[in-house]
Every structure is written in C-alpha cells, then in structure tokens.
Protein backbone atom coordinates (compact mmCIF):
# COMPACT_ATOMS: atom_id res chain seq x y z
CA UNK A 1 40.49 85.28 -47.47
CA UNK A 2 37.17 83.56 -48.09
CA UNK A 3 36.33 80.72 -45.72
CA UNK A 4 36.22 77.34 -47.41
CA UNK A 5 32.80 75.76 -47.53
CA UNK A 6 32.47 72.20 -46.30
CA UNK A 7 32.30 69.83 -49.23
CA UNK A 8 28.85 68.46 -49.84
CA UNK A 9 28.37 64.74 -50.14
CA UNK A 10 26.65 64.62 -53.54
CA UNK A 11 25.90 60.91 -53.31
CA UNK A 12 24.10 61.34 -50.02
CA UNK A 13 22.31 64.49 -51.18
CA UNK A 14 21.02 62.78 -54.33
CA UNK A 15 19.86 59.59 -52.63
CA UNK A 16 16.33 60.90 -52.13
CA UNK A 17 16.05 61.68 -55.85
CA UNK A 18 17.30 58.21 -56.74
CA UNK A 19 14.69 56.62 -54.47
CA UNK A 20 11.95 58.64 -56.20
CA UNK A 21 13.31 57.53 -59.59
CA UNK A 22 13.32 53.93 -58.36
CA UNK A 23 9.68 54.18 -57.30
CA UNK A 24 8.57 55.70 -60.61
CA UNK A 25 10.59 53.19 -62.64
CA UNK A 26 9.08 50.34 -60.63
CA UNK A 27 5.53 51.58 -61.28
CA UNK A 28 6.24 51.89 -65.01
CA UNK A 29 7.86 48.45 -65.20
CA UNK A 30 4.96 46.88 -63.30
CA UNK A 31 2.47 48.31 -65.80
CA UNK A 32 4.46 47.49 -68.95
CA UNK A 33 5.76 44.01 -68.09
CA UNK A 34 3.85 42.55 -65.10
CA UNK A 35 5.23 39.03 -65.53
CA UNK A 36 8.88 40.03 -65.13
CA UNK A 37 8.11 42.87 -62.70
CA UNK A 38 6.63 40.38 -60.22
CA UNK A 39 10.07 38.76 -59.97
CA UNK A 40 11.63 42.02 -58.79
CA UNK A 41 10.25 41.57 -55.28
CA UNK A 42 13.53 39.95 -54.25
CA UNK A 43 15.22 43.38 -54.42
CA UNK A 44 12.87 44.80 -51.80
CA UNK A 45 12.92 41.64 -49.66
CA UNK A 46 16.72 41.47 -49.71
CA UNK A 47 17.04 45.11 -48.64
CA UNK A 48 14.52 44.64 -45.81
CA UNK A 49 16.29 41.47 -44.64
CA UNK A 50 19.70 43.15 -44.58
CA UNK A 51 18.42 46.24 -42.78
CA UNK A 52 16.40 44.14 -40.32
CA UNK A 53 19.58 42.19 -39.64
CA UNK A 54 21.07 45.42 -38.28
CA UNK A 55 17.98 46.79 -36.55
CA UNK A 56 17.97 44.42 -33.56
CA UNK A 57 21.65 45.03 -32.61
CA UNK A 58 21.17 48.76 -33.20
CA UNK A 59 18.17 48.80 -30.87
CA UNK A 60 20.24 46.96 -28.28
CA UNK A 61 23.35 49.17 -28.40
CA UNK A 62 21.48 52.47 -28.64
CA UNK A 63 19.08 51.69 -25.81
CA UNK A 64 21.88 50.32 -23.60
CA UNK A 65 24.12 53.34 -24.19
CA UNK A 66 21.17 55.70 -23.88
CA UNK A 67 20.08 54.34 -20.51
CA UNK A 68 23.67 54.29 -19.26
CA UNK A 69 24.04 57.95 -20.28
CA UNK A 70 20.93 59.09 -18.38
CA UNK A 71 22.89 59.11 -15.16
CA UNK A 72 19.85 58.84 -12.90
CA UNK A 73 17.27 56.12 -12.41
CA UNK A 74 14.77 58.79 -11.40
CA UNK A 75 15.11 60.65 -14.71
CA UNK A 76 14.77 57.38 -16.61
CA UNK A 77 11.69 56.46 -14.59
CA UNK A 78 10.06 59.80 -15.40
CA UNK A 79 10.80 59.30 -19.10
CA UNK A 80 9.45 55.73 -19.05
CA UNK A 81 6.24 56.66 -17.23
CA UNK A 82 5.32 59.49 -19.61
CA UNK A 83 6.20 57.35 -22.62
CA UNK A 84 4.05 54.46 -21.37
CA UNK A 85 1.05 56.73 -20.77
CA UNK A 86 1.44 58.37 -24.19
CA UNK A 87 1.86 55.06 -26.04
CA UNK A 88 -1.09 53.35 -24.36
CA UNK A 89 -3.39 56.33 -24.82
CA UNK A 90 -2.48 56.75 -28.49
CA UNK A 91 -2.82 53.05 -29.40
CA UNK A 92 -6.11 52.68 -27.47
CA UNK A 93 -7.59 55.67 -29.31
CA UNK A 94 -6.37 54.22 -32.63
CA UNK A 95 -7.93 50.82 -31.88
CA UNK A 96 -11.23 52.38 -30.83
CA UNK A 97 -11.27 54.63 -33.90
CA UNK A 98 -10.69 51.61 -36.12
CA UNK A 99 -13.65 49.79 -34.57
CA UNK A 100 -15.93 52.78 -35.07
CA UNK A 101 -14.94 53.41 -38.69
CA UNK A 102 -15.11 49.70 -39.53
CA UNK A 103 -18.67 49.54 -38.22
CA UNK A 104 -19.68 52.64 -40.19
CA UNK A 105 -18.16 51.23 -43.40
CA UNK A 106 -20.19 48.07 -42.91
CA UNK A 107 -23.36 50.01 -43.75
CA UNK A 108 -22.03 51.01 -47.20
CA UNK A 109 -22.81 48.89 -50.27
CA UNK A 110 -19.81 46.71 -51.14
CA UNK A 111 -21.04 44.87 -54.21
CA UNK A 112 -20.00 41.29 -54.82
CA UNK A 113 -17.08 40.26 -52.64
CA UNK A 114 -14.19 38.46 -54.35
CA UNK A 115 -13.81 34.68 -53.87
CA UNK A 116 -12.45 33.68 -50.46
CA UNK A 117 -9.47 31.34 -50.41
CA UNK A 118 -8.39 30.56 -46.84
CA UNK A 119 -5.36 28.74 -48.23
CA UNK A 120 -3.85 32.17 -48.94
CA UNK A 121 -3.34 32.52 -45.19
CA UNK A 122 -1.51 29.20 -44.83
CA UNK A 123 2.05 30.62 -44.49
CA UNK A 124 0.88 33.49 -42.27
CA UNK A 125 -1.11 31.16 -40.03
CA UNK A 126 1.93 28.91 -39.63
CA UNK A 127 4.12 31.91 -38.78
CA UNK A 128 1.55 33.22 -36.32
CA UNK A 129 1.42 29.85 -34.55
CA UNK A 130 5.22 29.76 -34.31
CA UNK A 131 5.27 33.27 -32.81
CA UNK A 132 2.26 33.10 -30.51
CA UNK A 133 1.48 29.37 -30.22
CA UNK A 134 -2.16 28.66 -29.50
CA UNK A 135 -2.55 31.67 -27.26
CA UNK A 136 -0.81 34.52 -25.49
CA UNK A 137 1.84 32.79 -23.44
CA UNK A 138 4.71 34.39 -21.56
CA UNK A 139 7.03 33.70 -24.50
CA UNK A 140 4.99 36.14 -26.59
CA UNK A 141 6.09 39.03 -24.38
CA UNK A 142 9.34 37.80 -22.79
CA UNK A 143 12.16 36.01 -24.68
CA UNK A 144 12.85 32.43 -23.61
CA UNK A 145 16.62 33.00 -23.78
CA UNK A 146 19.16 35.72 -24.51
CA UNK A 147 19.92 34.23 -27.92
CA UNK A 148 16.26 33.88 -28.94
CA UNK A 149 15.67 37.57 -28.25
CA UNK A 150 18.03 38.41 -31.13
CA UNK A 151 17.37 35.34 -33.29
CA UNK A 152 13.60 35.95 -33.60
CA UNK A 153 14.07 39.65 -34.36
CA UNK A 154 11.18 40.79 -32.16
CA UNK A 155 11.86 44.45 -31.19
CA UNK A 156 10.00 44.02 -27.90
CA UNK A 157 12.23 41.11 -26.83
CA UNK A 158 15.41 43.00 -27.76
CA UNK A 159 14.10 46.08 -25.96
CA UNK A 160 13.53 44.14 -22.73
CA UNK A 161 17.07 42.69 -22.84
CA UNK A 162 18.54 46.13 -23.63
CA UNK A 163 16.68 47.78 -20.73
CA UNK A 164 17.97 45.10 -18.35
CA UNK A 165 21.58 45.58 -19.49
CA UNK A 166 21.21 49.35 -19.53
CA UNK A 167 20.00 49.47 -15.93
CA UNK A 168 22.84 47.14 -14.93
CA UNK A 169 25.41 49.45 -16.53
CA UNK A 170 23.71 52.48 -14.98
CA UNK A 171 24.28 50.98 -11.54
CA UNK A 172 27.81 49.77 -12.29
CA UNK A 173 29.40 53.20 -12.15
CA UNK A 174 33.06 53.45 -13.11
CA UNK A 175 33.47 49.67 -13.39
CA UNK A 176 30.97 49.61 -16.25
CA UNK A 177 32.42 52.64 -18.06
CA UNK A 178 34.72 50.62 -20.42
CA UNK A 179 31.76 48.50 -21.49
CA UNK A 180 29.65 51.61 -22.14
CA UNK A 181 32.45 52.96 -24.33
CA UNK A 182 32.63 49.64 -26.19
CA UNK A 183 28.86 49.68 -26.80
CA UNK A 184 29.09 53.26 -28.14
CA UNK A 185 31.84 52.27 -30.55
CA UNK A 186 29.91 49.22 -31.68
CA UNK A 187 26.93 51.46 -32.34
CA UNK A 188 29.06 53.71 -34.51
CA UNK A 189 30.22 50.75 -36.60
CA UNK A 190 26.63 49.53 -37.00
CA UNK A 191 25.51 52.95 -38.21
CA UNK A 192 28.36 52.92 -40.72
CA UNK A 193 26.97 49.61 -42.02
CA UNK A 194 23.55 51.26 -42.34
CA UNK A 195 25.09 54.01 -44.45
CA UNK A 196 26.57 51.40 -46.78
CA UNK A 197 23.28 49.53 -47.14
CA UNK A 198 21.35 52.76 -47.69
CA UNK A 199 22.90 52.93 -51.16
CA UNK A 200 20.62 50.04 -52.11
CA UNK A 201 17.42 51.91 -51.23
CA UNK A 202 16.64 52.95 -54.84
CA UNK A 203 16.81 49.32 -55.99
CA UNK A 204 14.60 48.26 -53.08
CA UNK A 205 12.07 50.94 -53.98
CA UNK A 206 12.13 49.81 -57.61
CA UNK A 207 11.60 46.15 -56.72
CA UNK A 208 8.83 46.86 -54.20
CA UNK A 209 6.91 49.17 -56.54
CA UNK A 210 7.29 46.85 -59.54
CA UNK A 211 5.99 43.87 -57.58
CA UNK A 212 3.05 45.76 -56.07
CA UNK A 213 1.86 47.19 -59.39
CA UNK A 214 2.36 43.93 -61.30
CA UNK A 215 0.45 41.92 -58.71
CA UNK A 216 -2.41 44.23 -57.79
CA UNK A 217 -2.45 47.03 -60.38
CA UNK A 218 -3.29 50.63 -59.57
CA UNK A 219 -6.80 49.85 -58.27
CA UNK A 220 -7.33 47.27 -55.50
CA UNK A 221 -10.11 44.68 -55.42
CA UNK A 222 -13.49 46.31 -55.93
CA UNK A 223 -15.20 44.88 -52.86
CA UNK A 224 -12.47 46.24 -50.56
CA UNK A 225 -12.09 49.65 -52.19
CA UNK A 226 -14.06 51.35 -49.39
CA UNK A 227 -11.68 49.92 -46.80
CA UNK A 228 -8.55 51.05 -48.65
CA UNK A 229 -9.82 54.58 -49.26
CA UNK A 230 -11.18 54.94 -45.71
CA UNK A 231 -7.93 53.68 -44.20
CA UNK A 232 -5.80 56.10 -46.20
CA UNK A 233 -8.09 59.02 -45.38
CA UNK A 234 -8.12 58.13 -41.68
CA UNK A 235 -4.32 57.95 -41.61
CA UNK A 236 -4.12 61.33 -43.36
CA UNK A 237 -6.52 62.94 -40.86
CA UNK A 238 -4.56 61.42 -37.99
CA UNK A 239 -1.21 62.64 -39.30
CA UNK A 240 -2.08 66.12 -40.54
CA UNK A 241 -4.86 66.83 -38.08
CA UNK A 242 -4.09 65.26 -34.70
CA UNK A 243 -0.30 65.02 -35.00
CA UNK A 244 -0.10 68.42 -36.68
CA UNK A 245 -1.86 70.01 -33.70
CA UNK A 246 0.28 68.08 -31.22
CA UNK A 247 3.43 69.20 -33.01
CA UNK A 248 2.29 72.81 -32.98
CA UNK A 249 1.61 72.65 -29.24
CA UNK A 250 5.19 71.44 -28.76
CA UNK A 251 6.69 74.23 -30.87
CA UNK A 252 7.63 72.47 -34.11
CA UNK A 253 6.09 72.05 -37.57
CA UNK A 254 4.87 68.63 -38.67
CA UNK A 255 5.26 69.50 -42.35
CA UNK A 256 8.88 70.48 -41.79
CA UNK A 257 9.46 67.27 -39.86
CA UNK A 258 8.06 65.26 -42.78
CA UNK A 259 10.38 67.19 -45.11
CA UNK A 260 13.26 66.44 -42.74
CA UNK A 261 12.45 62.70 -42.86
CA UNK A 262 11.53 62.60 -46.54
CA UNK A 263 14.26 60.16 -47.51
CA UNK A 264 13.26 57.70 -44.78
CA UNK A 265 9.58 58.02 -45.76
CA UNK A 266 10.44 57.16 -49.37
CA UNK A 267 12.27 54.06 -48.18
CA UNK A 268 9.19 53.09 -46.19
CA UNK A 269 6.92 53.63 -49.21
CA UNK A 270 9.21 51.59 -51.44
CA UNK A 271 9.62 48.67 -49.05
CA UNK A 272 6.23 48.86 -47.24
CA UNK A 273 8.09 48.53 -43.94
CA UNK A 274 9.11 51.06 -41.30
CA UNK A 275 11.86 48.95 -39.76
CA UNK A 276 14.58 49.55 -42.40
CA UNK A 277 14.29 53.29 -41.70
CA UNK A 278 14.74 52.95 -37.91
CA UNK A 279 18.54 53.55 -37.74
CA UNK A 280 18.43 56.68 -39.92
CA UNK A 281 15.38 58.13 -38.14
CA UNK A 282 17.13 57.65 -34.80
CA UNK A 283 20.25 59.46 -36.00
CA UNK A 284 18.26 62.27 -37.64
CA UNK A 285 16.25 62.91 -34.48
CA UNK A 286 19.53 63.06 -32.58
CA UNK A 287 20.83 65.62 -35.06
CA UNK A 288 17.58 67.54 -34.56
CA UNK A 289 18.04 67.97 -30.81
CA UNK A 290 16.91 64.73 -29.14
CA UNK A 291 19.80 63.36 -27.03
CA UNK A 292 20.45 59.66 -27.48
CA UNK A 293 19.70 58.89 -23.83
CA UNK A 294 16.11 59.97 -24.52
CA UNK A 295 15.68 59.25 -28.22
CA UNK A 296 16.97 55.67 -28.30
CA UNK A 297 14.65 54.22 -25.61
CA UNK A 298 11.66 56.22 -26.90
CA UNK A 299 11.98 55.33 -30.57
CA UNK A 300 12.91 51.70 -29.91
CA UNK A 301 9.99 51.15 -27.54
CA UNK A 302 7.70 52.94 -29.99
CA UNK A 303 8.44 50.30 -32.62
CA UNK A 304 6.69 47.74 -30.38
CA UNK A 305 4.38 49.71 -28.11
CA UNK A 306 3.29 52.57 -30.36
CA UNK A 307 2.31 51.11 -33.75
CA UNK A 308 -0.61 53.47 -34.29
CA UNK A 309 -1.02 52.69 -37.98
CA UNK A 310 -1.05 48.96 -37.31
CA UNK A 311 -3.57 49.32 -34.47
CA UNK A 312 -5.88 51.37 -36.67
CA UNK A 313 -5.63 48.75 -39.41
CA UNK A 314 -6.31 45.78 -37.12
CA UNK A 315 -9.67 46.85 -35.77
CA UNK A 316 -10.87 48.64 -38.90
CA UNK A 317 -10.10 45.66 -41.14
CA UNK A 318 -11.56 43.05 -38.79
CA UNK A 319 -14.87 44.82 -38.25
CA UNK A 320 -15.29 45.80 -41.90
CA UNK A 321 -14.53 42.31 -43.22
CA UNK A 322 -16.92 40.80 -40.67
CA UNK A 323 -19.68 43.11 -41.92
CA UNK A 324 -18.76 42.52 -45.56
CA UNK A 325 -18.94 38.72 -45.29
CA UNK A 326 -22.16 38.77 -43.32
CA UNK A 327 -20.61 37.45 -40.12
CA UNK A 328 -20.78 40.66 -38.11
CA UNK A 329 -19.32 41.23 -34.66
CA UNK A 330 -21.52 41.75 -31.63
CA UNK A 331 -20.54 44.43 -29.10
CA UNK A 332 -19.13 41.83 -26.70
CA UNK A 333 -17.09 40.21 -29.47
CA UNK A 334 -15.71 43.60 -30.47
CA UNK A 335 -14.65 44.33 -26.90
CA UNK A 336 -12.96 40.92 -26.62
CA UNK A 337 -11.18 41.49 -29.92
CA UNK A 338 -10.12 44.95 -28.77
CA UNK A 339 -8.72 43.63 -25.48
CA UNK A 340 -6.71 40.86 -27.15
CA UNK A 341 -5.38 42.99 -30.00
CA UNK A 342 -4.07 45.54 -27.46
CA UNK A 343 -1.72 42.81 -26.24
CA UNK A 344 -0.93 41.02 -29.51
CA UNK A 345 -0.11 44.27 -31.31
CA UNK A 346 2.71 44.92 -28.85
CA UNK A 347 4.56 41.83 -30.09
CA UNK A 348 4.22 42.58 -33.81
CA UNK A 349 7.48 42.51 -35.72
CA UNK A 350 7.83 45.69 -37.77
CA UNK A 351 8.40 44.10 -41.19
CA UNK A 352 6.24 43.88 -44.28
CA UNK A 353 3.05 41.95 -43.58
CA UNK A 354 3.30 42.22 -39.80
CA UNK A 355 -0.11 43.89 -39.61
CA UNK A 356 -1.84 41.03 -41.41
CA UNK A 357 0.22 38.52 -39.41
CA UNK A 358 -0.92 40.12 -36.15
CA UNK A 359 -4.53 40.11 -37.37
CA UNK A 360 -4.29 36.40 -38.23
CA UNK A 361 -2.86 35.67 -34.78
CA UNK A 362 -5.67 37.56 -33.03
CA UNK A 363 -8.39 35.92 -35.12
CA UNK A 364 -6.85 32.51 -34.45
CA UNK A 365 -7.39 33.16 -30.73
CA UNK A 366 -10.84 34.79 -30.84
CA UNK A 367 -12.21 32.87 -33.87
CA UNK A 368 -14.16 36.01 -34.81
CA UNK A 369 -14.25 36.90 -37.62
CA UNK A 370 -13.30 33.73 -39.49
CA UNK A 371 -9.94 33.22 -41.14
CA UNK A 372 -11.81 32.78 -44.41
CA UNK A 373 -12.99 36.38 -44.20
CA UNK A 374 -9.53 37.65 -43.30
CA UNK A 375 -8.21 35.91 -46.43
CA UNK A 376 -9.90 38.68 -48.40
CA UNK A 377 -7.25 41.10 -47.13
CA UNK A 378 -4.34 39.23 -48.70
CA UNK A 379 -4.87 40.89 -52.06
CA UNK A 380 -4.70 44.42 -50.70
CA UNK A 381 -2.25 43.93 -47.84
CA UNK A 382 0.69 45.40 -49.74
CA UNK A 383 -1.34 48.54 -50.48
CA UNK A 384 -2.45 48.80 -46.84
CA UNK A 385 1.04 48.05 -45.56
CA UNK A 386 2.46 51.23 -47.08
CA UNK A 387 -0.03 53.43 -45.21
CA UNK A 388 0.54 51.46 -41.98
CA UNK A 389 4.30 51.81 -42.20
CA UNK A 390 4.28 55.54 -43.05
CA UNK A 391 1.82 56.25 -40.22
CA UNK A 392 3.88 54.23 -37.75
CA UNK A 393 7.09 56.06 -38.65
CA UNK A 394 5.61 59.57 -38.46
CA UNK A 395 3.75 58.80 -35.22
CA UNK A 396 6.90 57.43 -33.58
CA UNK A 397 9.01 60.39 -34.71
CA UNK A 398 6.45 62.86 -33.34
CA UNK A 399 6.07 60.87 -30.11
CA UNK A 400 9.85 60.89 -29.57
CA UNK A 401 10.02 64.67 -30.01
CA UNK A 402 6.93 65.37 -27.88
CA UNK A 403 7.90 63.14 -24.95
CA UNK A 404 11.49 64.40 -25.03
CA UNK A 405 10.09 67.92 -24.82
CA UNK A 406 7.83 66.99 -21.90
CA UNK A 407 10.77 65.73 -19.85
CA UNK A 408 12.99 68.68 -20.75
CA UNK A 409 15.36 66.66 -22.96
CA UNK A 410 14.61 68.37 -26.29
CA UNK A 411 16.81 71.15 -27.64
CA UNK A 412 14.00 73.20 -29.20
CA UNK A 413 16.36 75.79 -30.74
CA UNK A 414 18.39 73.10 -32.45
CA UNK A 415 15.20 71.35 -33.60
CA UNK A 416 13.85 74.50 -35.24
CA UNK A 417 17.18 75.15 -36.93
CA UNK A 418 17.37 71.55 -38.21
CA UNK A 419 13.81 71.57 -39.56
CA UNK A 420 14.03 75.02 -41.19
CA UNK A 421 17.52 74.72 -42.69
CA UNK A 422 17.62 74.95 -46.52
CA UNK A 423 19.68 71.77 -46.55
CA UNK A 424 18.40 69.46 -43.78
CA UNK A 425 21.01 67.78 -41.59
CA UNK A 426 21.91 64.32 -42.82
CA UNK A 427 23.74 61.59 -40.86
CA UNK A 428 25.48 60.61 -44.12
CA UNK A 429 27.41 63.90 -44.06
CA UNK A 430 30.13 63.85 -41.45
CA UNK A 431 30.11 67.64 -41.12
CA UNK A 432 26.49 67.43 -39.94
CA UNK A 433 27.22 64.76 -37.33
CA UNK A 434 28.55 66.31 -34.10
CA UNK A 435 28.92 62.98 -32.31
CA UNK A 436 31.04 60.92 -34.68
CA UNK A 437 33.16 58.55 -32.60
CA UNK A 438 36.75 58.62 -33.78
CA UNK A 439 37.99 55.05 -33.33
CA UNK A 440 41.74 54.59 -33.28
CA UNK A 441 43.71 51.45 -32.61
CA UNK A 442 46.81 52.03 -30.51
CA UNK A 443 49.66 49.51 -30.61
C-alpha cells in the first residue's frame, strides 16, 4: 500500500507568486495611471499597521518564553555577550563605511541639485521631537512605563521589558511554569493571527509599488542618482560579499537562505519595511534549526541593535548631502555625528521611513548638516527604504544563524536540509511545523 502524501497547502505555496504579481501590477498601474495609483498607498500602510500591531506582543512573548526556556543564566549571558559584540562591530563598520563612501561620492559631479523645501520634513521633525525630545534622554532608551513600552511600538523598549520578565520567570522555577505555558500559548495564537494577515501581502505589495512608481517614477531625482546607485551597490556588496563569506564559514549558503526567505523578502520590497516580516522570519529560522530560546532574543534584539542597512544609510546620506549642498562636514563634525548616530540608531522603529526619521533626529541634535539639506532625501526615501529594509532583514537572519552556531545552539544538519529542500519549510503548513501547540479547553 502506497503511503499517503501530506496534503500541500496550495494557498500558502502560491502566496509568493501572488506577491510577485502584486508588485508587477503595482508598477504597471503606477506608470499607466499615476493619479489614482498614488491613492493606493493606504493598502501598504494598512498592512504595515496591522502587522506592526502584532510585532510588539510577538517580540514580548517570544523573548520571554525563549529566555525562560534557556534554563541557565550562564548560557543566556554567553549568548547575550556574543550577540552584543557582533551587533556593535557590524553596525560600527557599517557606519564607518557609510562615512567613507559618502565622502568619496562628494567628489563626483552632481549637476544642479533640486529645490530644497525644508517644510517637507515638518511631520518627520515633529515625530522625531516626540520620540527623542530635544536630545538623547533616558526615555529614548528606557520606557517611562510598562504601558508606554507597548503603546509607542519601539522594539528596544519592548525588548527591555521582555528581558526583565524573562529573567524573572527563569528564576521562578516551578512556580513560574504555568505562566510560561500561558505565554507559549499566547504566542501560538499571535502567530495564527500573522498567518491570517499574511493573505493581504499581495495587496500591500500592489499598493506600495503603485504609490512609489506614481510618485517618483522609475528614475529618482537626478542630483541624488549617485547616492541611490552607490547605496544599492554597497548593500549588494555587503550582502553577497561579506555576509556570503560569513555564511560559508558557518557552513550554510547565503543564496539558499535568501531563497528560503524569498516570500518575506518580497513582503519587505512591497512594503519598504522589515518589521511586517519579523514573525514569519522568526518561525522560519526556528524551522531551520534555531531553537526559540536562542532565535527569539537574537532576532528581536537585532531589530533594534543590528540595523546594518539603516546605519549604512545614515552616514552615507548625511555626508553626501553635506557635500552636495556645499556645507561639508569637517573630520570632527563627522566623528560627532558618528558617535551620536550610534546611539540614536538603536532606538529607530523598524517601519517605513524610520531611517529618514532617525537621520532627522540626529541632525536636529548636531545641527550638521542642515535640515534643509536633508529635505533633499524626501523624494528618494521610499526608493532607499526598500534597500535598507532588505539589508536589515538579511543581516539579522544571518546574524541569528551565525551567533546561534557560535554558542552551539544551531542544528546544522536541520539547517542544511531546510535550505536545500525542493520545497522549503513553511510555517503556514502545519506538517512542516514540529512545535504546533495544541490548545484544548477542558470543562
């Protein structure tokens, strides 16, 4: 008798294709009817808002349950130390690289720069002041209350609260076990909600692509073309060169990892934000051999402490715009900017426009370059945001796998099988999910 094959979830398997169709349809609509296509942005914004609504509680429950499952404060300390060193080294190199490339680009002819309208930064400046105030106070790094940590949606604030609760549960022993079980079950329900919302990804990709093409066209502003091309090339070299080598040294293929995360990357491209993809990336890495007790804290902390694409953008854009507008940045001003952006970048919220928002906040503190010069970036921010978000996602996925391997928490055999399988594991297929929590209510 022939064994019965597990039934394939066709809807889940075809979701990647539908996202691609949404992107292509959005591009075509933006070119044919720009006026109406510009109104489609609400589809992308609504999807991001709904997914972001779930990201903060998912970060909380996964980090809490992950820390509680470690079983040893010593093991958690080893994981945290290596992650901190990796994150700081990677972001510092990205910031320094951005400064260097921005200075080099400043020597290239830029032609006539487009008109500067500082009023374009009005909403962003107001949001930056509400997040950071007039400087870098304690509230920028630590939430003022338990409720504000979730209300403001800052991943760093939620991460701090989750680490505190996780350590408390870790030390509670058997008395905290029922609460750990409750957190695990809540996490399962939240991931089910993510699966439901994922069905709207094609519409989000359509709306985001239609708006971008209708507003900015296929070619960005002429005076900033060097910056856009250089940024994309730098991100490509970083991903396929540096990360590719790092992946090879840790016994996995970067290209196969990108194939494994292709659906999440398409969501990022369509929405220009890496945050909506966080829940699915976390589950996929777990299916690929990263236990939740390691993957959840690493990936969640990476969304605040390891935004490599954003860091590269911040220094490259600031130095290039300063050169382009004739303001320039002296060596001392560049070092001051570098020091401040290392702190401000850690509090960036991972939604669309967070890179430009963080840049506005830093410039508001340093006053170099001027906000008028930064206003030039408004027109190309959506184009830059896609590269930032894709780079952030890939860098965080690689970092999670590498650090988990360093601390002996990565199942390398399972990872290779997951990445090389003809049909990659998908959290939307129950037969691929070995850790589905079966919730039953008993009378």
